[in-house]
Protein backbone atom coordinates (compact mmCIF):
# COMPACT_ATOMS: atom_id res chain seq x y z
CA MET A 1 -24.88 3.81 11.15
CA ALA A 2 -23.21 7.12 10.38
CA THR A 3 -24.17 9.30 7.47
CA LYS A 4 -21.78 10.03 4.63
CA ASN A 5 -20.78 13.43 6.04
CA LYS A 6 -20.49 12.37 9.68
CA PRO A 7 -17.86 9.73 10.54
CA LEU A 8 -18.35 7.45 13.50
CA PRO A 9 -16.79 8.65 16.73
CA ALA A 10 -13.36 7.23 17.50
CA GLU A 11 -14.20 6.01 21.00
CA PRO A 12 -16.60 3.19 19.97
CA GLN A 13 -14.10 2.13 17.31
CA ASP A 14 -11.32 2.05 19.89
CA ASN A 15 -13.48 0.03 22.25
CA ALA A 16 -14.41 -2.39 19.49
CA ALA A 17 -10.76 -2.84 18.56
CA ASN A 18 -9.83 -3.51 22.17
CA ASP A 19 -12.69 -5.97 22.63
CA GLY A 20 -11.99 -7.77 19.35
CA VAL A 21 -15.36 -6.77 17.86
CA ALA A 22 -15.54 -5.60 14.26
CA ALA A 23 -16.15 -1.85 14.01
CA GLU A 24 -18.03 -0.17 11.19
CA LEU A 25 -16.15 2.49 9.28
CA SER A 26 -17.65 5.53 7.64
CA ASP A 27 -17.68 5.84 3.86
CA GLU A 28 -14.99 8.50 4.12
CA ALA A 29 -12.77 6.26 6.24
CA ILE A 30 -13.16 3.38 3.79
CA HIS A 31 -12.37 5.74 0.90
CA ASN A 32 -9.25 7.00 2.70
CA LEU A 33 -8.05 3.48 3.50
CA THR A 34 -8.67 2.34 -0.06
CA GLY A 35 -6.66 5.27 -1.39
CA PHE A 36 -3.86 4.61 1.11
CA PHE A 37 -3.54 0.96 0.13
CA ASP A 38 -3.78 1.84 -3.56
CA VAL A 39 -0.79 4.17 -3.17
CA LEU A 40 1.16 1.49 -1.30
CA ILE A 41 0.46 -1.05 -4.05
CA GLN A 42 1.53 1.42 -6.75
CA MET A 43 4.73 2.23 -4.86
CA ASP A 44 5.52 -1.48 -4.44
CA PHE A 45 4.88 -2.15 -8.13
CA ALA A 46 7.10 0.78 -9.19
CA SER A 47 9.86 -0.40 -6.86
CA LYS A 48 9.73 -3.91 -8.29
CA GLN A 49 9.89 -2.54 -11.83
CA ARG A 50 12.93 -0.39 -10.97
CA ASN A 51 14.66 -3.39 -9.38
CA GLU A 52 13.97 -5.56 -12.43
CA GLN A 53 15.30 -2.88 -14.78
CA ARG A 54 18.37 -2.42 -12.59
CA ASN A 55 18.99 -6.18 -12.55
CA GLU A 56 18.60 -6.40 -16.33
CA SER A 57 21.06 -3.55 -16.89
CA ASP A 58 23.50 -5.08 -14.37
CA ASP A 59 23.27 -8.44 -16.16
CA PHE A 60 23.85 -6.72 -19.49
CA LEU A 61 26.88 -4.82 -18.16
CA GLN A 62 28.33 -7.93 -16.53
CA GLY A 63 27.85 -9.83 -19.76
CA ASN A 64 29.77 -7.17 -21.69
CA THR A 65 32.63 -6.99 -19.18
CA ASN A 66 32.98 -10.78 -19.15
CA ASN A 67 33.29 -10.85 -22.95
CA THR A 68 36.04 -8.19 -23.06
CA GLN A 69 38.32 -9.87 -20.53
């Protein structure tokens, strides 16, 4: 197993991926992946919130225009 400062070489990981065998990741690689997925989740959440706010404001505007006609 690799130490905290020394990640595993890429070649064994590539071979493991090609052979369908689970590869061990270094602590740094796990930290990087965790951060990457955390950012993706935050971006998705923010996008959903913007869409909900946009839909609410569209519904409000459509409600007002329907009442004035």
